[in-house]
């Protein structure tokens, strides 16, 4: 049997699984910004011991999603306007790099995958389903980075998208209209299909700037 074709099966550790659930809860607002985490309640809810829970919480603290305050406890971060601006600055850098990888590979195939998400966004708007629209919006950008096949870009983007979910969940009322979101994503997809890197860069920059203006109290 060819020994170089098989690899050990890598199983996710318990702390990794816990960290994933905590990220999701933070992004969805189940664990609210500024909320203090109660180890006893979390360990009971998740059905795990405190050891792996603490390791998972430490990982999220290192990622910047949790804040450990000496003699007080561990809290979910609160996202300020400055945080939003910095978040979208980082997202713009990661997503532009990912788009460049997609264009250098198979831009048509990548665009076809992204267009599926755009169609899902359109359907959500038609239904008036804001929650589904936000979920698909996030999924579009996650897919864009996944298509780059860069493990490091994907890992960085995963953390950035948790903070993005926090912003979009907490500040959804600042989106008075959603049709512009659909057209922005459709234009980005078309530019990728056309392998127009300069246009993709410009559209992503405009997309991130627009989000910052809508998710902050001013456009400074």
N, C-alpha and C. Protein backbone atom coordinates (compact mmCIF):
# COMPACT_ATOMS: atom_id res chain seq x y z
N UNK A 1 0.86 -1.20 0.00
CA UNK A 1 0.00 0.00 0.00
C UNK A 1 0.89 1.23 0.00
N UNK A 2 0.64 2.19 -0.90
CA UNK A 2 1.48 3.38 -0.98
C UNK A 2 1.39 4.18 0.31
N UNK A 3 2.50 4.24 1.03
CA UNK A 3 2.49 4.91 2.32
C UNK A 3 2.38 6.41 2.25
N UNK A 4 2.71 7.01 1.10
CA UNK A 4 2.71 8.47 1.02
C UNK A 4 1.35 9.04 0.62
N UNK A 5 0.33 8.18 0.41
CA UNK A 5 -0.97 8.66 0.00
C UNK A 5 -1.93 8.84 1.18
N UNK A 6 -1.60 8.21 2.29
CA UNK A 6 -2.48 8.28 3.45
C UNK A 6 -1.88 9.16 4.52
N UNK A 7 -2.71 9.89 5.19
CA UNK A 7 -2.29 10.78 6.26
C UNK A 7 -3.12 10.50 7.50
N UNK A 8 -2.56 10.74 8.68
CA UNK A 8 -3.35 10.54 9.90
C UNK A 8 -4.58 11.44 9.89
N UNK A 9 -5.66 10.91 10.42
CA UNK A 9 -6.89 11.69 10.53
C UNK A 9 -6.73 12.66 11.69
N UNK A 10 -6.89 13.95 11.39
CA UNK A 10 -6.74 14.97 12.42
C UNK A 10 -8.12 15.29 12.98
N UNK A 11 -8.30 15.01 14.27
CA UNK A 11 -9.57 15.29 14.92
C UNK A 11 -9.46 16.59 15.70
N UNK A 12 -10.53 17.37 15.66
CA UNK A 12 -10.54 18.61 16.42
C UNK A 12 -10.53 18.31 17.90
N UNK A 13 -9.74 19.05 18.65
CA UNK A 13 -9.71 18.88 20.09
C UNK A 13 -10.96 19.50 20.72
N UNK A 14 -11.24 19.10 21.94
CA UNK A 14 -12.40 19.66 22.64
C UNK A 14 -12.30 21.17 22.78
N UNK A 15 -11.14 21.74 23.17
CA UNK A 15 -11.05 23.21 23.24
C UNK A 15 -11.35 23.88 21.90
N UNK A 16 -10.94 23.27 20.78
CA UNK A 16 -11.22 23.84 19.46
C UNK A 16 -12.71 23.86 19.18
N UNK A 17 -13.39 22.77 19.54
CA UNK A 17 -14.83 22.70 19.33
C UNK A 17 -15.55 23.72 20.20
N UNK A 18 -15.10 23.87 21.44
CA UNK A 18 -15.70 24.85 22.35
C UNK A 18 -15.46 26.26 21.81
N UNK A 19 -14.24 26.53 21.37
CA UNK A 19 -13.91 27.86 20.85
C UNK A 19 -14.79 28.20 19.66
N UNK A 20 -15.05 27.22 18.80
CA UNK A 20 -15.90 27.46 17.63
C UNK A 20 -17.31 27.85 18.07
N UNK A 21 -17.84 27.14 19.07
CA UNK A 21 -19.19 27.46 19.55
C UNK A 21 -19.24 28.84 20.20
N UNK A 22 -18.19 29.18 20.94
CA UNK A 22 -18.15 30.49 21.58
C UNK A 22 -18.06 31.60 20.53
N UNK A 23 -17.26 31.40 19.49
CA UNK A 23 -17.16 32.39 18.42
C UNK A 23 -18.53 32.63 17.79
N UNK A 24 -19.23 31.53 17.54
CA UNK A 24 -20.55 31.64 16.92
C UNK A 24 -21.52 32.40 17.84
N UNK A 25 -21.48 32.07 19.14
CA UNK A 25 -22.37 32.74 20.09
C UNK A 25 -22.07 34.23 20.19
N UNK A 26 -20.78 34.58 20.12
CA UNK A 26 -20.39 35.99 20.16
C UNK A 26 -20.86 36.70 18.90
N UNK A 27 -20.61 36.09 17.75
CA UNK A 27 -21.00 36.71 16.49
C UNK A 27 -22.50 36.89 16.36
N UNK A 28 -23.27 35.95 16.89
CA UNK A 28 -24.73 36.01 16.78
C UNK A 28 -25.37 36.87 17.86
N UNK A 29 -24.55 37.36 18.81
CA UNK A 29 -25.10 38.19 19.87
C UNK A 29 -25.67 37.43 21.03
N UNK A 30 -25.57 36.08 21.01
CA UNK A 30 -26.04 35.28 22.14
C UNK A 30 -25.20 35.60 23.38
N UNK A 31 -23.90 35.82 23.15
CA UNK A 31 -23.02 36.37 24.18
C UNK A 31 -22.80 37.82 23.77
N UNK A 32 -23.41 38.73 24.50
CA UNK A 32 -23.48 40.13 24.08
C UNK A 32 -22.19 40.88 24.37
N UNK A 33 -21.91 41.93 23.59
CA UNK A 33 -20.73 42.78 23.87
C UNK A 33 -20.76 43.29 25.30
N UNK A 34 -19.62 43.14 25.98
CA UNK A 34 -19.51 43.59 27.37
C UNK A 34 -19.96 42.57 28.39
N UNK A 35 -20.56 41.48 27.94
CA UNK A 35 -21.07 40.47 28.88
C UNK A 35 -19.93 39.70 29.53
N UNK A 36 -20.05 39.47 30.84
CA UNK A 36 -19.06 38.67 31.56
C UNK A 36 -19.41 37.20 31.39
N UNK A 37 -18.40 36.38 31.12
CA UNK A 37 -18.62 34.95 30.94
C UNK A 37 -18.59 34.25 32.30
N UNK A 38 -19.57 33.41 32.52
CA UNK A 38 -19.66 32.63 33.76
C UNK A 38 -19.22 31.21 33.46
N UNK A 39 -18.04 30.82 33.97
CA UNK A 39 -17.48 29.51 33.66
C UNK A 39 -18.42 28.38 34.05
N UNK A 40 -19.02 28.48 35.21
CA UNK A 40 -19.88 27.41 35.69
C UNK A 40 -21.08 27.22 34.76
N UNK A 41 -21.72 28.31 34.38
CA UNK A 41 -22.88 28.23 33.50
C UNK A 41 -22.50 27.71 32.12
N UNK A 42 -21.37 28.21 31.60
CA UNK A 42 -20.93 27.77 30.28
C UNK A 42 -20.55 26.30 30.26
N UNK A 43 -19.84 25.84 31.28
CA UNK A 43 -19.43 24.44 31.32
C UNK A 43 -20.65 23.54 31.40
N UNK A 44 -21.68 23.99 32.14
CA UNK A 44 -22.90 23.21 32.26
C UNK A 44 -23.67 23.20 30.93
N UNK A 45 -23.76 24.36 30.28
CA UNK A 45 -24.50 24.46 29.02
C UNK A 45 -23.83 23.65 27.91
N UNK A 46 -22.50 23.68 27.89
CA UNK A 46 -21.76 22.99 26.84
C UNK A 46 -21.49 21.53 27.17
N UNK A 47 -21.70 21.15 28.43
CA UNK A 47 -21.45 19.77 28.84
C UNK A 47 -19.98 19.42 28.84
N UNK A 48 -19.15 20.36 29.26
CA UNK A 48 -17.70 20.14 29.28
C UNK A 48 -17.15 20.55 30.65
N UNK A 49 -15.94 20.10 30.94
CA UNK A 49 -15.28 20.49 32.18
C UNK A 49 -14.65 21.87 32.02
N UNK A 50 -14.23 22.46 33.11
CA UNK A 50 -13.71 23.81 33.06
C UNK A 50 -12.33 23.91 32.39
N UNK A 51 -11.57 22.80 32.42
CA UNK A 51 -10.23 22.83 31.82
C UNK A 51 -10.25 23.20 30.35
N UNK A 52 -10.92 22.40 29.50
CA UNK A 52 -10.98 22.74 28.07
C UNK A 52 -11.74 24.04 27.81
N UNK A 53 -12.71 24.38 28.66
CA UNK A 53 -13.43 25.65 28.49
C UNK A 53 -12.47 26.81 28.68
N UNK A 54 -11.64 26.74 29.72
CA UNK A 54 -10.69 27.82 29.97
C UNK A 54 -9.69 27.93 28.82
N UNK A 55 -9.26 26.79 28.27
CA UNK A 55 -8.32 26.83 27.14
C UNK A 55 -8.98 27.50 25.93
N UNK A 56 -10.25 27.18 25.70
CA UNK A 56 -10.97 27.79 24.58
C UNK A 56 -11.11 29.29 24.79
N UNK A 57 -11.43 29.70 26.02
CA UNK A 57 -11.58 31.12 26.33
C UNK A 57 -10.25 31.84 26.16
N UNK A 58 -9.15 31.17 26.52
CA UNK A 58 -7.83 31.77 26.35
C UNK A 58 -7.53 32.00 24.87
N UNK A 59 -7.93 31.05 24.03
CA UNK A 59 -7.72 31.20 22.59
C UNK A 59 -8.47 32.42 22.07
N UNK A 60 -9.72 32.58 22.50
CA UNK A 60 -10.51 33.71 22.03
C UNK A 60 -10.00 35.02 22.60
N UNK A 61 -9.38 34.96 23.77
CA UNK A 61 -8.75 36.16 24.32
C UNK A 61 -7.56 36.57 23.46
N UNK A 62 -6.78 35.57 23.02
CA UNK A 62 -5.64 35.84 22.15
C UNK A 62 -6.09 36.36 20.79
N UNK A 63 -7.26 35.93 20.34
CA UNK A 63 -7.80 36.39 19.07
C UNK A 63 -8.40 37.79 19.16
N UNK A 64 -8.58 38.27 20.40
CA UNK A 64 -9.14 39.60 20.59
C UNK A 64 -10.64 39.65 20.71
N UNK A 65 -11.30 38.48 20.83
CA UNK A 65 -12.76 38.45 20.94
C UNK A 65 -13.22 38.51 22.40
N UNK A 66 -12.35 38.10 23.30
CA UNK A 66 -12.63 38.18 24.73
C UNK A 66 -11.57 39.04 25.39
N UNK A 67 -11.94 39.64 26.52
CA UNK A 67 -11.03 40.50 27.27
C UNK A 67 -10.95 39.98 28.70
N UNK A 68 -9.75 39.65 29.12
CA UNK A 68 -9.54 39.18 30.49
C UNK A 68 -9.10 40.34 31.37
N UNK A 69 -9.89 40.62 32.40
CA UNK A 69 -9.62 41.73 33.31
C UNK A 69 -9.21 41.16 34.66
N UNK A 70 -8.03 41.50 35.10
CA UNK A 70 -7.48 40.96 36.34
C UNK A 70 -8.43 41.23 37.51
N UNK A 71 -8.67 40.17 38.28
CA UNK A 71 -9.52 40.22 39.49
C UNK A 71 -10.99 40.51 39.19
N UNK A 72 -11.36 40.50 37.92
CA UNK A 72 -12.76 40.74 37.56
C UNK A 72 -13.36 39.61 36.75
N UNK A 73 -12.61 39.10 35.78
CA UNK A 73 -13.13 38.00 34.97
C UNK A 73 -12.88 38.21 33.49
N UNK A 74 -13.62 37.45 32.68
CA UNK A 74 -13.46 37.47 31.23
C UNK A 74 -14.75 38.01 30.61
N UNK A 75 -14.59 38.96 29.67
CA UNK A 75 -15.73 39.65 29.09
C UNK A 75 -15.67 39.58 27.56
N UNK A 76 -16.83 39.61 26.93
CA UNK A 76 -16.90 39.76 25.48
C UNK A 76 -16.50 41.19 25.15
N UNK A 77 -15.70 41.37 24.13
CA UNK A 77 -15.25 42.71 23.78
C UNK A 77 -16.43 43.59 23.35
N UNK A 78 -16.29 44.87 23.53
CA UNK A 78 -17.25 45.84 23.02
C UNK A 78 -16.61 46.55 21.84
N UNK A 79 -17.30 46.58 20.72
CA UNK A 79 -16.74 47.13 19.48
C UNK A 79 -17.08 48.61 19.38
N UNK A 80 -16.05 49.44 19.38
CA UNK A 80 -16.22 50.89 19.24
C UNK A 80 -16.17 51.29 17.77
N UNK A 81 -16.46 52.54 17.48
CA UNK A 81 -16.36 53.02 16.10
C UNK A 81 -14.94 52.86 15.56
N UNK A 82 -13.95 53.13 16.39
CA UNK A 82 -12.56 52.96 15.96
C UNK A 82 -12.26 51.50 15.65
N UNK A 83 -12.85 50.60 16.45
CA UNK A 83 -12.67 49.17 16.19
C UNK A 83 -13.28 48.79 14.84
N UNK A 84 -14.46 49.34 14.54
CA UNK A 84 -15.11 49.05 13.27
C UNK A 84 -14.23 49.49 12.11
N UNK A 85 -13.66 50.68 12.21
CA UNK A 85 -12.80 51.18 11.13
C UNK A 85 -11.57 50.28 10.95
N UNK A 86 -10.97 49.88 12.06
CA UNK A 86 -9.79 49.02 11.99
C UNK A 86 -10.16 47.63 11.47
N UNK A 87 -11.32 47.13 11.89
CA UNK A 87 -11.80 45.83 11.43
C UNK A 87 -11.95 45.80 9.92
N UNK A 88 -12.58 46.82 9.35
CA UNK A 88 -12.80 46.83 7.91
C UNK A 88 -11.52 47.14 7.13
N UNK A 89 -10.58 47.83 7.75
CA UNK A 89 -9.26 48.02 7.15
C UNK A 89 -8.58 46.66 6.98
N UNK A 90 -8.64 45.84 8.03
CA UNK A 90 -8.02 44.51 7.98
C UNK A 90 -8.76 43.61 7.00
N UNK A 91 -10.08 43.66 7.02
CA UNK A 91 -10.85 42.84 6.10
C UNK A 91 -10.54 43.20 4.65
N UNK A 92 -10.40 44.49 4.37
CA UNK A 92 -10.10 44.91 3.01
C UNK A 92 -8.78 44.32 2.52
N UNK A 93 -7.77 44.33 3.41
CA UNK A 93 -6.46 43.79 3.03
C UNK A 93 -6.55 42.29 2.76
N UNK A 94 -7.23 41.56 3.65
CA UNK A 94 -7.34 40.11 3.50
C UNK A 94 -8.15 39.74 2.26
N UNK A 95 -9.28 40.41 2.06
CA UNK A 95 -10.16 40.04 0.95
C UNK A 95 -9.60 40.42 -0.41
N UNK A 96 -8.86 41.53 -0.46
CA UNK A 96 -8.22 41.88 -1.73
C UNK A 96 -7.13 40.86 -2.07
N UNK A 97 -6.39 40.41 -1.07
CA UNK A 97 -5.38 39.38 -1.31
C UNK A 97 -6.02 38.08 -1.76
N UNK A 98 -7.16 37.73 -1.13
CA UNK A 98 -7.86 36.51 -1.51
C UNK A 98 -8.40 36.60 -2.94
N UNK A 99 -8.98 37.76 -3.28
CA UNK A 99 -9.52 37.94 -4.63
C UNK A 99 -8.42 37.82 -5.69
N UNK A 100 -7.24 38.33 -5.37
CA UNK A 100 -6.12 38.22 -6.31
C UNK A 100 -5.76 36.76 -6.57
N UNK A 101 -5.83 35.93 -5.51
CA UNK A 101 -5.55 34.50 -5.67
C UNK A 101 -6.62 33.84 -6.52
N UNK A 102 -7.87 34.22 -6.33
CA UNK A 102 -8.96 33.64 -7.11
C UNK A 102 -8.80 34.00 -8.58
N UNK A 103 -8.49 35.26 -8.85
CA UNK A 103 -8.31 35.71 -10.23
C UNK A 103 -7.12 35.01 -10.89
N UNK A 104 -6.07 34.76 -10.11
CA UNK A 104 -4.89 34.08 -10.67
C UNK A 104 -5.17 32.60 -10.94
N UNK A 105 -6.22 32.06 -10.33
CA UNK A 105 -6.55 30.66 -10.53
C UNK A 105 -7.62 30.47 -11.59
N UNK A 106 -8.85 30.26 -11.15
CA UNK A 106 -9.97 30.05 -12.07
C UNK A 106 -11.07 31.05 -11.72
N UNK A 107 -10.96 32.29 -12.22
CA UNK A 107 -11.91 33.34 -11.83
C UNK A 107 -13.36 33.03 -12.21
N UNK A 108 -13.57 32.35 -13.32
CA UNK A 108 -14.94 32.05 -13.73
C UNK A 108 -15.60 31.08 -12.75
N UNK A 109 -14.87 30.04 -12.38
CA UNK A 109 -15.42 29.06 -11.43
C UNK A 109 -15.67 29.73 -10.08
N UNK A 110 -14.74 30.58 -9.65
CA UNK A 110 -14.91 31.29 -8.39
C UNK A 110 -16.12 32.20 -8.44
N UNK A 111 -16.29 32.92 -9.54
CA UNK A 111 -17.42 33.83 -9.69
C UNK A 111 -18.74 33.07 -9.68
N UNK A 112 -18.76 31.89 -10.28
CA UNK A 112 -19.99 31.09 -10.28
C UNK A 112 -20.40 30.71 -8.86
N UNK A 113 -19.41 30.35 -8.04
CA UNK A 113 -19.70 30.02 -6.64
C UNK A 113 -20.21 31.24 -5.89
N UNK A 114 -19.58 32.37 -6.12
CA UNK A 114 -19.99 33.61 -5.43
C UNK A 114 -21.37 34.07 -5.88
N UNK A 115 -21.67 33.84 -7.17
CA UNK A 115 -22.97 34.25 -7.68
C UNK A 115 -24.10 33.50 -6.99
N UNK A 116 -23.85 32.28 -6.56
CA UNK A 116 -24.86 31.53 -5.81
C UNK A 116 -25.23 32.27 -4.52
N UNK A 117 -24.22 32.85 -3.87
CA UNK A 117 -24.48 33.61 -2.64
C UNK A 117 -25.23 34.90 -2.96
N UNK A 118 -24.90 35.53 -4.07
CA UNK A 118 -25.60 36.74 -4.47
C UNK A 118 -27.08 36.43 -4.71
N UNK A 119 -27.35 35.31 -5.36
CA UNK A 119 -28.74 34.91 -5.62
C UNK A 119 -29.47 34.63 -4.30
N UNK A 120 -28.77 34.05 -3.33
CA UNK A 120 -29.37 33.81 -2.02
C UNK A 120 -29.68 35.13 -1.32
N UNK A 121 -28.80 36.12 -1.48
CA UNK A 121 -29.05 37.44 -0.91
C UNK A 121 -30.30 38.06 -1.53
N UNK A 122 -30.44 37.92 -2.85
CA UNK A 122 -31.59 38.47 -3.55
C UNK A 122 -32.88 37.82 -3.05
N UNK A 123 -32.85 36.51 -2.85
CA UNK A 123 -34.03 35.80 -2.37
C UNK A 123 -34.39 36.25 -0.95
N UNK A 124 -33.38 36.48 -0.12
CA UNK A 124 -33.63 36.94 1.25
C UNK A 124 -34.27 38.32 1.26
N UNK A 125 -33.82 39.19 0.36
CA UNK A 125 -34.40 40.53 0.26
C UNK A 125 -35.86 40.44 -0.18
N UNK A 126 -36.13 39.57 -1.15
CA UNK A 126 -37.50 39.40 -1.64
C UNK A 126 -38.42 38.90 -0.52
N UNK A 127 -37.89 38.07 0.37
CA UNK A 127 -38.69 37.54 1.49
C UNK A 127 -38.77 38.53 2.64
N UNK A 128 -37.94 39.57 2.60
CA UNK A 128 -37.88 40.49 3.73
C UNK A 128 -37.21 39.86 4.94
N UNK A 129 -36.33 38.89 4.68
CA UNK A 129 -35.66 38.15 5.76
C UNK A 129 -34.29 38.77 6.02
N UNK A 130 -34.25 39.74 6.93
CA UNK A 130 -33.01 40.46 7.21
C UNK A 130 -31.94 39.55 7.81
N UNK A 131 -32.36 38.63 8.68
CA UNK A 131 -31.40 37.72 9.32
C UNK A 131 -30.71 36.84 8.28
N UNK A 132 -31.49 36.31 7.33
CA UNK A 132 -30.91 35.47 6.27
C UNK A 132 -30.02 36.29 5.36
N UNK A 133 -30.40 37.55 5.11
CA UNK A 133 -29.57 38.42 4.28
C UNK A 133 -28.21 38.64 4.92
N UNK A 134 -28.21 38.93 6.21
CA UNK A 134 -26.95 39.14 6.92
C UNK A 134 -26.10 37.88 6.91
N UNK A 135 -26.74 36.72 7.13
CA UNK A 135 -26.02 35.45 7.13
C UNK A 135 -25.39 35.19 5.77
N UNK A 136 -26.12 35.47 4.70
CA UNK A 136 -25.59 35.22 3.37
C UNK A 136 -24.53 36.23 2.99
N UNK A 137 -24.68 37.46 3.47
CA UNK A 137 -23.66 38.49 3.27
C UNK A 137 -22.33 38.02 3.85
N UNK A 138 -22.38 37.54 5.08
CA UNK A 138 -21.18 37.02 5.74
C UNK A 138 -20.63 35.82 4.97
N UNK A 139 -21.54 34.94 4.52
CA UNK A 139 -21.11 33.73 3.81
C UNK A 139 -20.43 34.07 2.49
N UNK A 140 -20.88 35.14 1.81
CA UNK A 140 -20.25 35.57 0.56
C UNK A 140 -18.77 35.89 0.78
N UNK A 141 -18.51 36.69 1.80
CA UNK A 141 -17.12 37.11 2.06
C UNK A 141 -16.27 35.95 2.57
N UNK A 142 -16.88 35.06 3.37
CA UNK A 142 -16.15 33.88 3.84
C UNK A 142 -15.78 33.00 2.65
N UNK A 143 -16.71 32.83 1.71
CA UNK A 143 -16.44 32.01 0.53
C UNK A 143 -15.34 32.63 -0.33
N UNK A 144 -15.38 33.95 -0.48
CA UNK A 144 -14.34 34.63 -1.27
C UNK A 144 -12.96 34.28 -0.75
N UNK A 145 -12.79 34.30 0.56
CA UNK A 145 -11.48 34.00 1.14
C UNK A 145 -11.19 32.50 1.07
N UNK A 146 -12.20 31.66 1.27
CA UNK A 146 -11.99 30.21 1.15
C UNK A 146 -11.51 29.83 -0.24
N UNK A 147 -12.01 30.52 -1.25
CA UNK A 147 -11.62 30.21 -2.63
C UNK A 147 -10.15 30.52 -2.91
N UNK A 148 -9.53 31.32 -2.03
CA UNK A 148 -8.10 31.62 -2.19
C UNK A 148 -7.24 30.40 -1.87
N UNK A 149 -7.82 29.47 -1.07
CA UNK A 149 -7.12 28.25 -0.63
C UNK A 149 -5.86 28.59 0.17
N UNK A 150 -5.89 29.74 0.83
CA UNK A 150 -4.77 30.14 1.70
C UNK A 150 -5.17 29.91 3.15
N UNK A 151 -4.59 28.92 3.83
CA UNK A 151 -4.98 28.64 5.21
C UNK A 151 -4.82 29.84 6.14
N UNK A 152 -3.79 30.65 5.92
CA UNK A 152 -3.56 31.79 6.82
C UNK A 152 -4.56 32.90 6.57
N UNK A 153 -4.87 33.18 5.32
CA UNK A 153 -5.90 34.17 5.02
C UNK A 153 -7.24 33.73 5.60
N UNK A 154 -7.55 32.46 5.45
CA UNK A 154 -8.82 31.93 5.96
C UNK A 154 -8.88 32.04 7.47
N UNK A 155 -7.78 31.69 8.14
CA UNK A 155 -7.75 31.74 9.60
C UNK A 155 -7.91 33.17 10.10
N UNK A 156 -7.22 34.11 9.48
CA UNK A 156 -7.35 35.51 9.89
C UNK A 156 -8.77 36.02 9.65
N UNK A 157 -9.31 35.65 8.50
CA UNK A 157 -10.63 36.15 8.12
C UNK A 157 -11.72 35.60 9.04
N UNK A 158 -11.57 34.37 9.49
CA UNK A 158 -12.57 33.77 10.38
C UNK A 158 -12.77 34.64 11.63
N UNK A 159 -11.67 35.07 12.22
CA UNK A 159 -11.76 35.92 13.41
C UNK A 159 -12.37 37.28 13.08
N UNK A 160 -11.96 37.85 11.96
CA UNK A 160 -12.50 39.15 11.55
C UNK A 160 -14.00 39.08 11.32
N UNK A 161 -14.49 37.94 10.81
CA UNK A 161 -15.91 37.82 10.52
C UNK A 161 -16.74 37.65 11.79
N UNK A 162 -16.15 37.14 12.85
CA UNK A 162 -16.87 37.10 14.11
C UNK A 162 -17.17 38.52 14.58
N UNK A 163 -16.16 39.38 14.50
CA UNK A 163 -16.37 40.78 14.88
C UNK A 163 -17.35 41.47 13.93
N UNK A 164 -17.29 41.09 12.65
CA UNK A 164 -18.23 41.66 11.69
C UNK A 164 -19.66 41.28 12.04
N UNK A 165 -19.86 40.01 12.40
CA UNK A 165 -21.19 39.57 12.82
C UNK A 165 -21.68 40.37 14.02
N UNK A 166 -20.77 40.62 14.96
CA UNK A 166 -21.14 41.41 16.13
C UNK A 166 -21.66 42.78 15.72
N UNK A 167 -20.94 43.42 14.82
CA UNK A 167 -21.33 44.76 14.35
C UNK A 167 -22.68 44.72 13.65
N UNK A 168 -22.83 43.77 12.74
CA UNK A 168 -24.04 43.72 11.93
C UNK A 168 -25.25 43.33 12.77
N UNK A 169 -25.04 42.48 13.78
CA UNK A 169 -26.14 42.08 14.66
C UNK A 169 -26.55 43.23 15.56
N UNK A 170 -25.57 43.92 16.14
CA UNK A 170 -25.86 45.00 17.09
C UNK A 170 -26.36 46.26 16.40
N UNK A 171 -25.92 46.48 15.15
CA UNK A 171 -26.20 47.75 14.50
C UNK A 171 -27.03 47.60 13.22
N UNK A 172 -27.80 46.52 13.15
CA UNK A 172 -28.58 46.22 11.95
C UNK A 172 -29.54 47.35 11.59
N UNK A 173 -30.03 48.08 12.58
CA UNK A 173 -31.00 49.13 12.32
C UNK A 173 -30.40 50.28 11.51
N UNK A 174 -29.07 50.36 11.44
CA UNK A 174 -28.45 51.43 10.66
C UNK A 174 -28.49 51.14 9.16
N UNK A 175 -28.92 49.93 8.80
CA UNK A 175 -29.09 49.62 7.39
C UNK A 175 -30.54 49.92 7.00
N UNK A 176 -30.78 51.12 6.52
CA UNK A 176 -32.15 51.51 6.18
C UNK A 176 -32.64 50.80 4.92
N UNK A 177 -31.73 50.49 4.00
CA UNK A 177 -32.09 49.80 2.77
C UNK A 177 -31.06 48.72 2.50
N UNK A 178 -31.50 47.64 1.85
CA UNK A 178 -30.59 46.51 1.64
C UNK A 178 -30.27 46.27 0.17
N UNK A 179 -30.95 46.97 -0.74
CA UNK A 179 -30.73 46.71 -2.16
C UNK A 179 -29.30 47.04 -2.58
N UNK A 180 -28.72 48.07 -1.95
CA UNK A 180 -27.34 48.45 -2.30
C UNK A 180 -26.37 47.32 -1.97
N UNK A 181 -26.67 46.57 -0.89
CA UNK A 181 -25.78 45.47 -0.51
C UNK A 181 -25.74 44.42 -1.61
N UNK A 182 -26.90 44.14 -2.18
CA UNK A 182 -26.98 43.15 -3.25
C UNK A 182 -26.16 43.59 -4.45
N UNK A 183 -26.34 44.83 -4.89
CA UNK A 183 -25.65 45.31 -6.09
C UNK A 183 -24.14 45.38 -5.89
N UNK A 184 -23.70 45.76 -4.68
CA UNK A 184 -22.25 45.81 -4.42
C UNK A 184 -21.64 44.42 -4.55
N UNK A 185 -22.31 43.40 -4.00
CA UNK A 185 -21.78 42.04 -4.08
C UNK A 185 -21.84 41.50 -5.52
N UNK A 186 -22.88 41.89 -6.24
CA UNK A 186 -22.97 41.45 -7.64
C UNK A 186 -21.85 42.07 -8.47
N UNK A 187 -21.56 43.34 -8.25
CA UNK A 187 -20.48 44.02 -8.99
C UNK A 187 -19.12 43.41 -8.69
N UNK A 188 -18.88 43.07 -7.41
CA UNK A 188 -17.61 42.44 -7.04
C UNK A 188 -17.46 41.11 -7.76
N UNK A 189 -18.54 40.33 -7.79
CA UNK A 189 -18.52 39.02 -8.45
C UNK A 189 -18.23 39.16 -9.94
N UNK A 190 -18.87 40.13 -10.59
CA UNK A 190 -18.64 40.34 -12.02
C UNK A 190 -17.19 40.73 -12.30
N UNK A 191 -16.62 41.58 -11.45
CA UNK A 191 -15.24 42.00 -11.65
C UNK A 191 -14.28 40.82 -11.49
N UNK A 192 -14.59 39.91 -10.58
CA UNK A 192 -13.76 38.71 -10.42
C UNK A 192 -13.89 37.83 -11.66
N UNK A 193 -15.11 37.66 -12.16
CA UNK A 193 -15.31 36.86 -13.37
C UNK A 193 -14.52 37.45 -14.54
N UNK A 194 -14.48 38.78 -14.62
CA UNK A 194 -13.75 39.45 -15.70
C UNK A 194 -12.24 39.51 -15.45
N UNK A 195 -11.81 38.98 -14.29
CA UNK A 195 -10.39 39.00 -13.92
C UNK A 195 -9.83 40.41 -13.91
N UNK A 196 -10.66 41.35 -13.49
CA UNK A 196 -10.27 42.76 -13.44
C UNK A 196 -9.83 43.10 -12.02
N UNK A 197 -8.56 42.85 -11.74
CA UNK A 197 -8.04 43.02 -10.38
C UNK A 197 -8.18 44.46 -9.88
N UNK A 198 -7.89 45.43 -10.75
CA UNK A 198 -7.96 46.83 -10.33
C UNK A 198 -9.39 47.19 -9.93
N UNK A 199 -10.36 46.70 -10.69
CA UNK A 199 -11.76 47.01 -10.37
C UNK A 199 -12.20 46.29 -9.09
N UNK A 200 -11.74 45.06 -8.90
CA UNK A 200 -12.06 44.34 -7.66
C UNK A 200 -11.52 45.10 -6.45
N UNK A 201 -10.29 45.56 -6.56
CA UNK A 201 -9.68 46.32 -5.46
C UNK A 201 -10.51 47.56 -5.15
N UNK A 202 -10.90 48.28 -6.19
CA UNK A 202 -11.67 49.52 -6.00
C UNK A 202 -13.04 49.23 -5.39
N UNK A 203 -13.70 48.18 -5.90
CA UNK A 203 -15.04 47.84 -5.39
C UNK A 203 -15.00 47.36 -3.95
N UNK A 204 -14.00 46.57 -3.60
CA UNK A 204 -13.89 46.11 -2.22
C UNK A 204 -13.61 47.28 -1.28
N UNK A 205 -12.74 48.20 -1.71
CA UNK A 205 -12.44 49.37 -0.90
C UNK A 205 -13.71 50.20 -0.68
N UNK A 206 -14.47 50.43 -1.74
CA UNK A 206 -15.71 51.19 -1.63
C UNK A 206 -16.72 50.46 -0.76
N UNK A 207 -16.79 49.15 -0.91
CA UNK A 207 -17.71 48.33 -0.12
C UNK A 207 -17.40 48.44 1.37
N UNK A 208 -16.12 48.37 1.72
CA UNK A 208 -15.71 48.45 3.12
C UNK A 208 -15.95 49.86 3.67
N UNK A 209 -15.65 50.87 2.86
CA UNK A 209 -15.88 52.25 3.30
C UNK A 209 -17.36 52.51 3.55
N UNK A 210 -18.19 51.98 2.67
CA UNK A 210 -19.63 52.16 2.82
C UNK A 210 -20.12 51.49 4.11
N UNK A 211 -19.62 50.29 4.40
CA UNK A 211 -20.02 49.58 5.61
C UNK A 211 -19.60 50.36 6.85
N UNK A 212 -18.39 50.91 6.83
CA UNK A 212 -17.91 51.69 7.98
C UNK A 212 -18.82 52.89 8.21
N UNK A 213 -19.19 53.58 7.15
CA UNK A 213 -20.05 54.76 7.29
C UNK A 213 -21.40 54.38 7.90
N UNK A 214 -21.92 53.21 7.53
CA UNK A 214 -23.23 52.81 8.02
C UNK A 214 -23.18 52.20 9.42
N UNK A 215 -22.03 51.68 9.80
CA UNK A 215 -21.93 50.99 11.09
C UNK A 215 -21.29 51.85 12.18
N UNK A 216 -20.92 53.06 11.84
CA UNK A 216 -20.37 53.97 12.85
C UNK A 216 -21.27 55.19 12.96
N UNK A 217 -21.07 55.94 14.03
CA UNK A 217 -21.94 57.08 14.29
C UNK A 217 -21.58 58.28 13.45
N UNK A 218 -20.40 58.23 12.82
CA UNK A 218 -20.02 59.30 11.90
C UNK A 218 -19.13 58.71 10.84
N UNK A 219 -18.78 59.49 9.86
CA UNK A 219 -17.98 58.98 8.73
C UNK A 219 -16.55 59.50 8.77
N UNK A 220 -16.05 59.78 9.99
CA UNK A 220 -14.69 60.29 10.12
C UNK A 220 -13.68 59.26 9.67
